[in-house]
Amino acid sequence: MSVADDSHSAAGTVPPGPAPGRSPGAFALPAAVQVVLVLAITMLSVALPTIRTELGLSVAQLTLVSAAYGLSFGGLLLLGGRIADLYGRRRVFVAGTALFGLASAVGGFAPDVTTLLSARLVQGAGAAFAAPAAMALAVSLHHTPRARARAMGIWGALAPLGAAVGTLFSGAATVWLSWRWTFLVPTLVAAAAVLLAPRLLPGDAGTRADSKVDALGAVLATAGLALLSYGLVHAAETSWTSAAVTVPSALGAVLLAAFALVERRAADPLLPPGFLASRRRATALWAVLIASAGTATVFFLLSLHFQQVAGLSPLRTSAAFLPFTAVLLATGPLGGRLVARLGSRTVIATGLLLAAAGLLLLGRLSAHSPYTGPVLAGLLLLPAGIALVFSAATITLLDDVPAEQSGLAGGVVNTALETGPTIGLAVLVSLAASHTSGLTGGATARTVAEASGYAFAFTTAGGVFAVSALAAVPLLRSR
C-alpha cells in the first residue's frame, strides 16, 4: 500500500542514490527555486500596462511577452525531466537555474520588445530544465515514506504560492520601484541557488550510458505543446474560429498525436506510454491541471476587475490578494499530513469542493460588490482548496514512481501546471468576453457588463471543480 492510498497508511518507493543533505537548506534550496520559477509566470500580471507604455508595445506584442515564458517552459518540460534522469539532477538543476537567471537579468535591462521577448523565451527554457530536476532532488532528500509524503505535500503547495507571490510582487515593484525588478529579483535568487547547490545538494551518481534522449519525441512534444499553447493564447482575445487560433492549435494537436505514436515504438521514450495508464495518476494530473487553471484565471480576471471596474491602484490590487497568500501559507504544510491520515481520495475531493465553493462565491461578483463580502470569502476558501488539491495530487502522482523516473514525474507534473493556465485562460476569458459582449449590446453599462462576464467565468469554473470532485471519488478508489 502507498501513502496515497485510502488505507491511511504510509509507504512508497524509497529512492536509492546518494545520502540526502543534512542541512535544512537542502530542501529549502530547490523549493525556493520552484517558487521563483512559478512566480515568473505571474510576475508581470500587474505590471503589463506600465511595460506597454514604457516600451510602446501593441496589444499583440504585450500578449506575446506575457505568454512567451509559458510557451517555452511548458513545451520543454518533458525533455527537461528526461535529461535530468539521464545526466544527473544536480547538474541539470544548476544549468537550468543558471540559464533562467541569466535570461532574467537580460529581461531586467531589456531596451526594446525584441530583447524582452527573447529573454522571456530563454527564461522559460531554463525553467523547463530546472523545475523537474528540482522536484527530483526534493524527492531524493527524503528516504522514509512518511517524510517523503510530507515533503511532497509541501512541494505541491509551492506552485500556487509562487503564483500568488508573483502577483503581489508585481504590484509592489511597479509602484515603489520599477517593473524591471520583477526580473532582477529572480536573477538574484537564481545566482544564490547556483552558488549554494554544490554545498547543499547531493551529488550525481553519474550518467546513464545505456539510455539516450528520444530526439524525435522531444521535437514533437516541444513543438506540439508550444503550438497548441500559442493558439490557445490567442483564443482569449479573438474568435475561436479565427486562423490565429485554429491553425496553430490544429498543428499542435497533430504533432502531439504523432508524439503519442512515436512514444509507443521508441526504445527509450521521452514519456513511457504506461506512465499515465494508472487511473489514479491520470485523475491526480487532471486535478493539478484544473487547479492551476482556476488559480491563473482568478488572478487574471480579478486583477482586471479590481483595476478597471473597482478603480484600485496596482498596489491595492496586489494587497487584495494578501488573504489568498496567507491561506496558502497556512494550508500548504497540512496537505501531506492529511493524506497520511485520510488518504489522497478524501483530500483531493475535499480540496476540489472547497475550491468550487470559493469560485461560486466569486461568481456573485458585480460592479458594486464590496471587497469584504463574497469576494473576500471566495479568496479565503479557494486557496484552502487549491493547496489541498496540489499537495495531495502531487503525492499521488509521485507515488510508486521509480527513482530513475523522478525527473520524468517532475516534468509531467510541471507540464500540467503550465498547460492548465493556458487552457483555463483561453476558455474562461473567452466565456467572460462573450458574456460581456452580449450585455453591452443593450443598455448595460460597460463596467456592469464586465463584472457580470467575470462572474459568469467564475461560476463556470466552480461547476467544473464540483463535477471533478464527484468524479474523483470513484476514480481515486484504491484497487
Protein backbone atom coordinates (compact mmCIF):
# COMPACT_ATOMS: atom_id res chain seq x y z
CA MET A 1 0.00 0.00 0.00
CA SER A 2 1.08 3.58 -0.53
CA VAL A 3 0.75 6.89 1.26
CA ALA A 4 -1.67 7.95 -1.42
CA ASP A 5 -3.97 5.00 -0.73
CA ASP A 6 -7.15 5.39 1.28
CA SER A 7 -5.90 2.79 3.74
CA HIS A 8 -4.41 5.76 5.66
CA SER A 9 -1.02 4.07 5.94
CA ALA A 10 2.25 5.42 4.62
CA ALA A 11 4.52 3.54 2.29
CA GLY A 12 6.15 4.13 -1.04
CA THR A 13 9.19 3.75 -3.15
CA VAL A 14 12.43 4.52 -1.37
CA PRO A 15 14.71 6.19 -3.88
CA PRO A 16 18.23 4.88 -3.96
CA GLY A 17 21.21 7.11 -4.52
CA PRO A 18 23.45 9.40 -2.56
CA ALA A 19 22.71 10.25 1.03
CA PRO A 20 20.46 13.26 1.48
CA GLY A 21 21.82 16.58 2.66
CA ARG A 22 21.53 17.16 6.39
CA SER A 23 21.08 20.91 6.28
CA PRO A 24 17.51 22.28 6.24
CA GLY A 25 18.64 24.28 3.23
CA ALA A 26 18.95 21.07 1.21
CA PHE A 27 15.18 21.04 0.74
CA ALA A 28 14.70 24.80 1.01
CA LEU A 29 17.02 25.48 -1.93
CA PRO A 30 15.12 23.63 -4.70
CA ALA A 31 11.84 24.71 -3.04
CA ALA A 32 12.85 28.39 -3.27
CA VAL A 33 13.80 27.95 -6.92
CA GLN A 34 10.48 26.24 -7.65
CA VAL A 35 8.60 29.19 -6.14
CA VAL A 36 10.59 31.65 -8.27
CA LEU A 37 10.06 29.60 -11.45
CA VAL A 38 6.29 29.77 -10.92
CA LEU A 39 6.49 33.38 -9.74
CA ALA A 40 7.95 34.24 -13.15
CA ILE A 41 4.63 33.24 -14.75
CA THR A 42 2.59 35.89 -12.92
CA MET A 43 5.29 38.45 -12.09
CA LEU A 44 4.25 40.69 -14.99
CA SER A 45 0.49 40.48 -14.34
CA VAL A 46 0.02 43.88 -12.68
CA ALA A 47 2.99 45.48 -14.44
CA LEU A 48 1.82 44.84 -18.04
CA PRO A 49 0.15 48.25 -18.56
CA THR A 50 3.32 50.03 -17.38
CA ILE A 51 5.53 47.89 -19.63
CA ARG A 52 3.27 48.61 -22.59
CA THR A 53 3.54 52.36 -22.03
CA GLU A 54 7.31 52.42 -21.40
CA LEU A 55 8.31 50.22 -24.36
CA GLY A 56 5.48 51.31 -26.69
CA LEU A 57 4.07 47.82 -27.23
CA SER A 58 0.99 46.87 -29.22
CA VAL A 59 -1.65 44.62 -27.69
CA ALA A 60 -0.32 41.68 -29.72
CA GLN A 61 3.25 42.32 -28.56
CA LEU A 62 2.14 42.62 -24.95
CA THR A 63 0.27 39.31 -25.22
CA LEU A 64 3.38 37.60 -26.60
CA VAL A 65 5.59 39.00 -23.84
CA SER A 66 3.13 37.70 -21.25
CA ALA A 67 2.80 34.26 -22.87
CA ALA A 68 6.38 33.64 -24.11
CA TYR A 69 7.65 32.27 -20.79
CA GLY A 70 4.89 29.69 -20.59
CA LEU A 71 5.32 28.64 -24.23
CA SER A 72 8.95 27.56 -23.84
CA PHE A 73 8.53 26.39 -20.24
CA GLY A 74 5.59 24.09 -20.99
CA GLY A 75 6.97 22.85 -24.30
CA LEU A 76 10.36 21.73 -22.95
CA LEU A 77 9.39 20.23 -19.58
CA LEU A 78 9.22 16.58 -20.68
CA LEU A 79 12.64 16.91 -22.29
CA GLY A 80 13.97 18.62 -19.16
CA GLY A 81 12.74 15.80 -16.96
CA ARG A 82 14.29 13.15 -19.18
CA ILE A 83 17.63 14.98 -19.34
CA ALA A 84 17.66 15.24 -15.53
CA ASP A 85 17.08 11.48 -15.18
CA LEU A 86 19.86 10.67 -17.65
CA TYR A 87 22.58 13.19 -16.85
CA GLY A 88 22.14 14.00 -13.18
CA ARG A 89 19.57 16.03 -11.29
CA ARG A 90 22.00 18.46 -9.65
CA ARG A 91 23.87 19.13 -12.91
CA VAL A 92 20.65 19.87 -14.76
CA PHE A 93 19.23 21.87 -11.84
CA VAL A 94 22.31 24.12 -11.75
CA ALA A 95 22.44 24.52 -15.55
CA GLY A 96 18.72 25.27 -15.88
CA THR A 97 18.73 27.70 -12.95
CA ALA A 98 21.79 29.50 -14.33
CA LEU A 99 20.14 29.89 -17.75
CA PHE A 100 16.94 31.14 -16.09
CA GLY A 101 18.91 33.66 -14.04
CA LEU A 102 20.92 34.93 -17.00
CA ALA A 103 17.77 35.41 -19.09
CA SER A 104 16.09 37.19 -16.17
CA ALA A 105 18.99 39.64 -15.98
CA VAL A 106 18.69 40.35 -19.71
CA GLY A 107 14.94 40.90 -19.33
CA GLY A 108 15.51 43.33 -16.47
CA PHE A 109 17.66 45.57 -18.67
CA ALA A 110 15.77 44.99 -21.95
CA PRO A 111 15.68 48.21 -24.03
CA ASP A 112 13.07 47.01 -26.53
CA VAL A 113 10.38 44.40 -27.16
CA THR A 114 12.66 42.07 -29.15
CA THR A 115 15.12 41.73 -26.27
CA LEU A 116 12.34 41.36 -23.72
CA LEU A 117 10.54 38.70 -25.75
CA SER A 118 13.78 36.75 -26.32
CA ALA A 119 14.59 36.93 -22.61
CA ARG A 120 11.17 35.53 -21.69
CA LEU A 121 11.58 32.62 -24.10
CA VAL A 122 15.04 31.73 -22.76
CA GLN A 123 13.78 32.16 -19.20
CA GLY A 124 11.15 29.51 -19.88
CA ALA A 125 13.71 27.16 -21.42
CA GLY A 126 15.91 27.39 -18.32
CA ALA A 127 12.90 26.85 -16.07
CA ALA A 128 11.90 23.75 -18.06
CA PHE A 129 15.18 22.07 -17.12
CA ALA A 130 15.40 23.40 -13.57
CA ALA A 131 11.84 22.55 -12.41
CA PRO A 132 11.75 18.74 -12.92
CA ALA A 133 15.32 18.44 -11.62
CA ALA A 134 14.33 20.44 -8.52
CA MET A 135 11.43 18.10 -7.78
CA ALA A 136 13.59 15.01 -8.32
CA LEU A 137 16.18 16.41 -5.91
CA ALA A 138 13.49 17.14 -3.33
CA VAL A 139 12.30 13.52 -3.58
CA SER A 140 15.83 12.14 -3.21
CA LEU A 141 16.37 14.04 0.04
CA HIS A 142 13.73 12.01 1.89
CA HIS A 143 14.25 8.28 2.21
CA THR A 144 11.42 7.34 4.57
CA PRO A 145 7.92 7.13 3.05
CA ARG A 146 6.31 9.38 5.65
CA ALA A 147 8.97 12.08 5.34
CA ARG A 148 8.76 11.89 1.57
CA ALA A 149 4.97 12.26 1.63
CA ARG A 150 5.12 15.29 3.91
CA ALA A 151 7.81 16.90 1.77
CA MET A 152 5.81 16.35 -1.42
CA GLY A 153 2.71 17.70 0.29
CA ILE A 154 4.61 20.93 0.95
CA TRP A 155 6.04 20.86 -2.56
CA GLY A 156 2.58 20.66 -4.07
CA ALA A 157 1.60 23.93 -2.40
CA LEU A 158 4.62 25.80 -3.79
CA ALA A 159 3.08 26.38 -7.23
CA PRO A 160 0.01 28.38 -6.12
CA LEU A 161 2.19 30.15 -3.57
CA GLY A 162 4.59 31.21 -6.32
CA ALA A 163 1.69 32.45 -8.45
CA ALA A 164 0.30 34.47 -5.54
CA VAL A 165 3.67 35.96 -4.59
CA GLY A 166 4.28 36.85 -8.24
CA THR A 167 1.10 38.91 -8.37
CA LEU A 168 1.83 40.62 -5.04
CA PHE A 169 5.40 41.42 -6.04
CA SER A 170 4.33 42.68 -9.45
CA GLY A 171 2.13 45.37 -7.94
CA ALA A 172 4.62 46.39 -5.24
CA ALA A 173 7.56 46.61 -7.66
CA THR A 174 5.55 48.59 -10.22
CA VAL A 175 4.51 51.22 -7.67
CA TRP A 176 7.58 51.51 -5.44
CA LEU A 177 10.48 50.53 -7.74
CA SER A 178 10.17 49.58 -11.40
CA TRP A 179 8.71 46.69 -13.35
CA ARG A 180 12.32 45.73 -14.13
CA TRP A 181 12.74 44.48 -10.56
CA THR A 182 10.31 41.68 -11.38
CA PHE A 183 13.19 40.30 -13.47
CA LEU A 184 16.12 41.31 -11.27
CA VAL A 185 14.91 39.65 -8.05
CA PRO A 186 14.63 36.21 -9.76
CA THR A 187 18.16 36.85 -11.07
CA LEU A 188 19.47 37.21 -7.52
CA VAL A 189 17.66 34.08 -6.30
CA ALA A 190 18.97 32.06 -9.26
CA ALA A 191 22.55 33.25 -8.65
CA ALA A 192 22.34 32.29 -4.97
CA ALA A 193 20.94 28.86 -5.86
CA VAL A 194 23.74 28.16 -8.35
CA LEU A 195 26.37 29.08 -5.75
CA LEU A 196 24.78 27.07 -2.92
CA ALA A 197 23.80 23.93 -4.87
CA PRO A 198 27.22 22.17 -4.69
CA ARG A 199 27.28 22.77 -0.94
CA LEU A 200 23.74 21.77 -0.03
CA LEU A 201 22.52 19.24 -2.60
CA PRO A 202 23.60 15.61 -3.02
CA GLY A 203 25.97 14.90 -5.88
CA ASP A 204 25.04 13.00 -9.02
CA ALA A 205 25.87 9.32 -9.27
CA GLY A 206 26.84 9.62 -12.95
CA THR A 207 25.18 9.45 -16.33
CA ARG A 208 23.16 6.52 -17.64
CA ALA A 209 25.21 5.42 -20.61
CA ASP A 210 22.73 2.70 -21.56
CA SER A 211 20.00 5.21 -22.46
CA LYS A 212 19.73 8.15 -24.80
CA VAL A 213 17.41 11.07 -25.41
CA ASP A 214 14.42 10.45 -27.66
CA ALA A 215 15.24 13.31 -30.04
CA LEU A 216 12.21 12.86 -32.34
CA GLY A 217 9.85 12.63 -29.36
CA ALA A 218 11.42 15.76 -27.85
CA VAL A 219 10.92 17.76 -31.05
CA LEU A 220 7.31 16.59 -31.47
CA ALA A 221 6.37 17.20 -27.83
CA THR A 222 8.01 20.62 -27.66
CA ALA A 223 6.61 21.85 -30.98
CA GLY A 224 3.18 20.34 -30.31
CA LEU A 225 2.76 21.84 -26.83
CA ALA A 226 4.17 25.22 -27.92
CA LEU A 227 1.88 25.48 -30.97
CA LEU A 228 -1.19 24.36 -29.04
CA SER A 229 -0.45 26.87 -26.28
CA TYR A 230 0.21 29.63 -28.81
CA GLY A 231 -3.15 29.02 -30.46
CA LEU A 232 -5.00 28.96 -27.14
CA VAL A 233 -3.35 32.20 -26.03
CA HIS A 234 -4.98 33.96 -29.00
CA ALA A 235 -8.36 32.41 -28.16
CA ALA A 236 -8.56 34.72 -25.15
CA GLU A 237 -8.65 37.81 -27.38
CA THR A 238 -10.16 36.67 -30.70
CA SER A 239 -12.72 34.25 -32.12
CA TRP A 240 -12.15 30.51 -31.66
CA THR A 241 -12.71 30.11 -35.41
CA SER A 242 -10.05 32.63 -36.43
CA ALA A 243 -6.91 31.43 -38.22
CA ALA A 244 -4.75 32.71 -35.34
CA VAL A 245 -6.40 30.10 -33.09
CA THR A 246 -7.31 27.19 -35.36
CA VAL A 247 -4.10 26.87 -37.42
CA PRO A 248 -1.52 26.62 -34.60
CA SER A 249 -3.92 24.67 -32.37
CA ALA A 250 -4.63 22.11 -35.10
CA LEU A 251 -0.93 21.77 -35.95
CA GLY A 252 -0.12 21.35 -32.28
CA ALA A 253 -2.76 18.65 -31.86
CA VAL A 254 -1.43 16.77 -34.90
CA LEU A 255 2.15 16.90 -33.60
CA LEU A 256 1.05 15.68 -30.15
CA ALA A 257 -0.82 12.78 -31.77
CA ALA A 258 2.35 11.94 -33.72
CA PHE A 259 4.30 12.16 -30.44
CA ALA A 260 1.97 9.59 -28.85
CA LEU A 261 2.53 7.20 -31.77
CA VAL A 262 6.31 7.65 -31.72
CA GLU A 263 6.49 7.01 -27.97
CA ARG A 264 4.84 3.60 -28.42
CA ARG A 265 7.71 2.45 -30.63
CA ALA A 266 10.69 4.33 -29.16
CA ALA A 267 13.36 2.27 -27.40
CA ASP A 268 13.85 4.99 -24.75
CA PRO A 269 10.64 7.06 -24.89
CA LEU A 270 10.51 10.57 -23.54
CA LEU A 271 7.16 9.70 -21.89
CA PRO A 272 6.68 5.93 -21.42
CA PRO A 273 3.12 5.07 -22.59
CA GLY A 274 2.36 3.26 -19.35
CA PHE A 275 3.25 6.21 -17.13
CA LEU A 276 -0.22 7.74 -17.35
CA ALA A 277 -2.08 4.43 -17.67
CA SER A 278 -2.81 4.48 -13.93
CA ARG A 279 -6.34 5.74 -13.32
CA ARG A 280 -5.28 7.33 -10.03
CA ARG A 281 -2.27 9.08 -11.58
CA ALA A 282 -4.33 10.40 -14.52
CA THR A 283 -7.03 11.71 -12.14
CA ALA A 284 -4.42 13.44 -9.98
CA LEU A 285 -2.93 15.01 -13.11
CA TRP A 286 -6.37 16.37 -14.08
CA ALA A 287 -6.75 17.81 -10.58
CA VAL A 288 -3.40 19.63 -10.92
CA LEU A 289 -4.38 20.91 -14.36
CA ILE A 290 -7.74 22.42 -13.33
CA ALA A 291 -6.33 23.73 -10.04
CA SER A 292 -3.61 25.65 -11.90
CA ALA A 293 -6.19 26.81 -14.47
CA GLY A 294 -8.51 28.09 -11.75
CA THR A 295 -5.73 29.89 -9.89
CA ALA A 296 -4.43 31.65 -13.02
CA THR A 297 -7.92 32.68 -14.13
CA VAL A 298 -8.84 34.13 -10.75
CA PHE A 299 -5.65 36.19 -10.59
CA PHE A 300 -6.08 37.43 -14.16
CA LEU A 301 -9.78 38.31 -14.06
CA LEU A 302 -9.82 39.71 -10.52
CA SER A 303 -6.77 41.86 -11.31
CA LEU A 304 -8.72 43.33 -14.24
CA HIS A 305 -11.84 43.78 -12.08
CA PHE A 306 -10.01 45.48 -9.23
CA GLN A 307 -8.22 47.95 -11.54
CA GLN A 308 -10.68 48.52 -14.39
CA VAL A 309 -14.03 48.16 -12.61
CA ALA A 310 -13.33 48.89 -8.93
CA GLY A 311 -10.68 51.51 -9.77
CA LEU A 312 -7.97 50.22 -7.42
CA SER A 313 -4.30 51.11 -7.88
CA PRO A 314 -1.76 48.39 -8.78
CA LEU A 315 -0.54 48.32 -5.17
CA ARG A 316 -4.03 47.99 -3.70
CA THR A 317 -4.80 45.33 -6.31
CA SER A 318 -1.81 43.32 -5.10
CA ALA A 319 -2.82 43.85 -1.47
CA ALA A 320 -6.29 42.48 -2.24
CA PHE A 321 -4.68 39.08 -2.82
CA LEU A 322 -2.90 39.01 0.56
CA PRO A 323 -5.60 36.83 2.20
CA PHE A 324 -5.22 34.33 -0.65
CA THR A 325 -1.48 34.10 0.00
CA ALA A 326 -1.90 33.86 3.78
CA VAL A 327 -4.32 30.92 3.48
CA LEU A 328 -1.93 29.15 1.09
CA LEU A 329 0.90 29.51 3.59
CA ALA A 330 -1.28 28.17 6.40
CA THR A 331 -2.83 25.26 4.47
CA GLY A 332 0.07 24.07 2.30
CA PRO A 333 2.07 22.27 5.04
CA LEU A 334 -1.07 20.37 6.16
CA GLY A 335 -1.58 18.53 2.87
CA GLY A 336 0.95 15.75 3.38
CA ARG A 337 -0.23 15.05 6.93
CA LEU A 338 -3.87 14.93 5.90
CA VAL A 339 -3.08 12.49 3.08
CA ALA A 340 -1.28 10.21 5.54
CA ARG A 341 -4.33 10.24 7.83
CA LEU A 342 -7.25 10.41 5.42
CA GLY A 343 -5.94 9.22 2.05
CA SER A 344 -5.49 11.15 -1.19
CA ARG A 345 -9.03 10.48 -2.43
CA THR A 346 -10.61 12.27 0.53
CA VAL A 347 -8.15 15.16 0.48
CA ILE A 348 -8.35 15.77 -3.29
CA ALA A 349 -12.16 15.57 -3.33
CA THR A 350 -12.43 17.88 -0.31
CA GLY A 351 -9.98 20.34 -1.85
CA LEU A 352 -11.91 20.41 -5.12
CA LEU A 353 -15.18 21.05 -3.27
CA LEU A 354 -13.65 23.88 -1.22
CA ALA A 355 -12.25 25.43 -4.39
CA ALA A 356 -15.63 25.04 -6.10
CA ALA A 357 -17.31 26.85 -3.20
CA GLY A 358 -14.76 29.67 -3.42
CA LEU A 359 -15.28 30.06 -7.17
CA LEU A 360 -19.07 30.05 -6.81
CA LEU A 361 -18.78 32.82 -4.20
CA LEU A 362 -16.65 34.81 -6.64
CA GLY A 363 -19.40 34.10 -9.16
CA ARG A 364 -21.60 36.52 -7.19
CA LEU A 365 -19.30 39.37 -8.24
CA SER A 366 -20.90 42.58 -9.50
CA ALA A 367 -19.68 46.03 -10.44
CA HIS A 368 -20.56 47.30 -6.96
CA SER A 369 -19.55 44.27 -4.86
CA PRO A 370 -17.74 45.29 -1.66
CA TYR A 371 -14.44 43.55 -1.05
CA THR A 372 -15.49 42.36 2.41
CA GLY A 373 -18.26 40.06 1.21
CA PRO A 374 -18.45 37.13 -1.19
CA VAL A 375 -15.20 38.29 -2.85
CA LEU A 376 -13.17 38.01 0.36
CA ALA A 377 -14.92 34.75 1.32
CA GLY A 378 -14.05 33.32 -2.09
CA LEU A 379 -10.42 34.43 -1.71
CA LEU A 380 -10.28 32.54 1.59
CA LEU A 381 -11.98 29.29 0.54
CA LEU A 382 -10.38 28.95 -2.89
CA PRO A 383 -6.72 28.86 -1.75
CA ALA A 384 -7.53 26.38 1.03
CA GLY A 385 -8.98 24.00 -1.55
CA ILE A 386 -6.24 24.66 -4.11
CA ALA A 387 -3.48 23.97 -1.56
CA LEU A 388 -5.05 20.64 -0.58
CA VAL A 389 -5.51 19.62 -4.22
CA PHE A 390 -1.93 20.43 -5.20
CA SER A 391 -0.44 18.71 -2.16
CA ALA A 392 -2.50 15.51 -2.37
CA ALA A 393 -2.33 15.28 -6.17
CA THR A 394 1.47 15.71 -6.16
CA ILE A 395 1.83 12.89 -3.64
CA THR A 396 -0.45 10.67 -5.76
CA LEU A 397 1.41 11.47 -8.98
CA LEU A 398 4.78 10.57 -7.44
CA ASP A 399 3.53 7.51 -5.59
CA ASP A 400 5.34 4.32 -6.68
CA VAL A 401 7.41 6.19 -9.30
CA PRO A 402 10.84 4.51 -9.62
CA ALA A 403 13.78 6.70 -8.59
CA GLU A 404 15.16 6.67 -12.13
CA GLN A 405 11.90 8.30 -13.36
CA SER A 406 11.57 11.03 -10.73
CA GLY A 407 12.77 13.67 -13.21
CA LEU A 408 10.14 12.47 -15.69
CA ALA A 409 7.48 12.68 -12.97
CA GLY A 410 8.58 16.24 -12.21
CA GLY A 411 8.32 17.10 -15.90
CA VAL A 412 4.80 15.67 -16.16
CA VAL A 413 3.58 17.49 -13.03
CA ASN A 414 5.03 20.79 -14.18
CA THR A 415 3.60 20.32 -17.69
CA ALA A 416 0.13 20.14 -16.13
CA LEU A 417 0.96 23.23 -14.06
CA GLU A 418 1.94 25.12 -17.21
CA THR A 419 -0.77 23.82 -19.54
CA GLY A 420 -3.61 24.41 -17.08
CA PRO A 421 -3.38 28.23 -17.02
CA THR A 422 -3.16 28.39 -20.82
CA ILE A 423 -6.28 26.27 -21.27
CA GLY A 424 -8.12 27.90 -18.38
CA LEU A 425 -7.45 31.45 -19.55
CA ALA A 426 -8.34 30.62 -23.16
CA VAL A 427 -11.68 29.06 -22.25
CA LEU A 428 -12.78 31.18 -19.30
CA VAL A 429 -11.59 34.56 -20.59
CA SER A 430 -13.40 33.80 -23.87
CA LEU A 431 -16.57 32.96 -21.94
CA ALA A 432 -16.25 36.17 -19.91
CA ALA A 433 -15.70 38.26 -23.05
CA SER A 434 -18.62 36.64 -24.87
CA HIS A 435 -20.94 37.19 -21.89
CA THR A 436 -19.80 40.80 -21.58
CA SER A 437 -20.28 41.41 -25.30
CA GLY A 438 -23.82 40.10 -25.14
CA LEU A 439 -24.69 42.54 -22.36
CA THR A 440 -23.00 45.62 -23.82
CA GLY A 441 -25.14 45.27 -26.93
CA GLY A 442 -28.03 46.63 -24.87
CA ALA A 443 -28.23 49.45 -22.35
CA THR A 444 -25.99 47.80 -19.75
CA ALA A 445 -23.05 49.94 -18.60
CA ARG A 446 -19.62 48.64 -19.63
CA THR A 447 -18.34 48.14 -16.06
CA VAL A 448 -21.50 46.27 -15.07
CA ALA A 449 -21.22 44.04 -18.13
CA GLU A 450 -17.53 43.30 -17.48
CA ALA A 451 -18.16 42.35 -13.86
CA SER A 452 -21.02 40.10 -14.99
CA GLY A 453 -18.71 38.43 -17.52
CA TYR A 454 -16.08 37.74 -14.88
CA ALA A 455 -18.75 36.33 -12.55
CA PHE A 456 -20.02 34.03 -15.31
CA ALA A 457 -16.48 32.68 -15.84
CA PHE A 458 -16.02 32.04 -12.11
CA THR A 459 -19.37 30.25 -11.87
CA THR A 460 -18.50 28.04 -14.83
CA ALA A 461 -15.15 27.16 -13.27
CA GLY A 462 -16.89 26.37 -9.97
CA GLY A 463 -19.15 23.91 -11.77
CA VAL A 464 -16.14 22.16 -13.34
CA PHE A 465 -14.49 21.83 -9.93
CA ALA A 466 -17.66 20.45 -8.33
CA VAL A 467 -18.14 17.82 -11.05
CA SER A 468 -14.44 16.89 -10.82
CA ALA A 469 -14.77 16.43 -7.07
CA LEU A 470 -17.64 13.97 -7.53
CA ALA A 471 -15.76 12.10 -10.27
CA ALA A 472 -12.59 11.89 -8.17
CA VAL A 473 -14.25 9.75 -5.52
CA PRO A 474 -14.67 6.62 -7.67
CA LEU A 475 -11.64 7.31 -9.89
CA LEU A 476 -9.23 7.58 -6.97
CA ARG A 477 -10.50 4.44 -5.26
CA SER A 478 -7.66 2.03 -4.47
CA ARG A 479 -7.60 -1.19 -6.39
